[in-house]
Amino acid sequence: MVFFFLLGVVGFATYGLSDGEGALVLASIISGVFFACFLILFAIYWIGYLLKGHAIWQAERQAESDGASMGQQPED
């Protein structure tokens, strides 16, 4: 993810430094592709992070409800 971000920044810098018309088009396309890859990987990472948190929350909730349904009393 970081690799694609850095490549996008390099492509954007190349876009700013290039002189020819063809180089501008090529640099903007490459930069756009790398940033798109970065955004896709960033979204996948955060969806996975949220799903992991949800699974942990769901497991904790299930454990709490299993303990209460089995008639176990909390120890004093």
Protein backbone atom coordinates (compact mmCIF):
# COMPACT_ATOMS: atom_id res chain seq x y z
CA MET A 1 0.00 0.00 0.00
CA VAL A 2 2.78 2.41 0.96
CA PHE A 3 4.73 1.34 -2.12
CA PHE A 4 1.89 2.34 -4.45
CA PHE A 5 1.45 5.64 -2.59
CA LEU A 6 5.12 6.47 -3.04
CA LEU A 7 5.02 5.49 -6.70
CA GLY A 8 2.00 7.75 -7.14
CA VAL A 9 3.86 10.65 -5.54
CA VAL A 10 6.85 10.01 -7.81
CA GLY A 11 4.54 9.88 -10.84
CA PHE A 12 2.91 13.13 -9.76
CA ALA A 13 6.34 14.77 -9.33
CA THR A 14 7.32 13.53 -12.78
CA TYR A 15 4.10 15.05 -14.11
CA GLY A 16 5.10 18.42 -12.63
CA LEU A 17 8.68 18.28 -13.89
CA SER A 18 8.04 17.03 -17.43
CA ASP A 19 8.19 19.38 -20.41
CA GLY A 20 6.72 17.49 -23.33
CA GLU A 21 3.03 16.94 -24.01
CA GLY A 22 3.44 13.16 -24.31
CA ALA A 23 5.37 12.98 -21.05
CA LEU A 24 2.61 14.89 -19.25
CA VAL A 25 -0.05 12.47 -20.43
CA LEU A 26 2.03 9.41 -19.62
CA ALA A 27 3.03 10.69 -16.17
CA SER A 28 -0.56 11.60 -15.29
CA ILE A 29 -1.83 8.17 -16.35
CA ILE A 30 0.86 6.35 -14.37
CA SER A 31 0.31 8.54 -11.34
CA GLY A 32 -3.45 7.99 -11.52
CA VAL A 33 -3.05 4.21 -11.77
CA PHE A 34 -0.72 4.08 -8.77
CA PHE A 35 -3.01 6.27 -6.66
CA ALA A 36 -5.99 4.13 -7.67
CA CYS A 37 -4.10 1.00 -6.56
CA PHE A 38 -3.25 2.75 -3.29
CA LEU A 39 -6.89 3.68 -2.66
CA ILE A 40 -8.09 0.15 -3.41
CA LEU A 41 -5.55 -1.40 -1.05
CA PHE A 42 -6.31 1.23 1.61
CA ALA A 43 -10.03 0.40 1.41
CA ILE A 44 -9.34 -3.34 1.61
CA TYR A 45 -7.13 -2.81 4.66
CA TRP A 46 -9.74 -0.78 6.54
CA ILE A 47 -12.60 -3.12 5.64
CA GLY A 48 -10.52 -6.01 7.00
CA TYR A 49 -9.71 -4.02 10.14
CA LEU A 50 -13.38 -3.24 10.74
CA LEU A 51 -14.45 -6.83 10.08
CA LYS A 52 -11.82 -8.09 12.53
CA GLY A 53 -13.09 -5.71 15.19
CA HIS A 54 -16.65 -6.79 14.51
CA ALA A 55 -15.71 -10.48 14.81
CA ILE A 56 -14.01 -9.84 18.15
CA TRP A 57 -17.03 -7.91 19.41
CA GLN A 58 -19.38 -10.64 18.20
CA ALA A 59 -17.30 -13.38 19.88
CA GLU A 60 -17.29 -11.46 23.18
CA ARG A 61 -21.02 -10.93 22.98
CA GLN A 62 -21.58 -14.62 22.17
CA ALA A 63 -19.40 -15.65 25.13
CA GLU A 64 -21.41 -13.39 27.45
CA SER A 65 -24.73 -14.77 26.25
CA ASP A 66 -23.51 -18.40 26.49
CA GLY A 67 -22.47 -17.92 30.10
CA ALA A 68 -25.82 -16.38 31.05
CA SER A 69 -27.89 -19.00 29.21
CA MET A 70 -26.16 -21.91 30.92
CA GLY A 71 -27.32 -20.68 34.31
CA GLN A 72 -23.88 -19.84 35.61
CA GLN A 73 -23.83 -17.37 38.45
CA PRO A 74 -20.95 -14.92 38.81
CA GLU A 75 -18.61 -15.83 41.66
CA ASP A 76 -18.47 -13.47 44.64
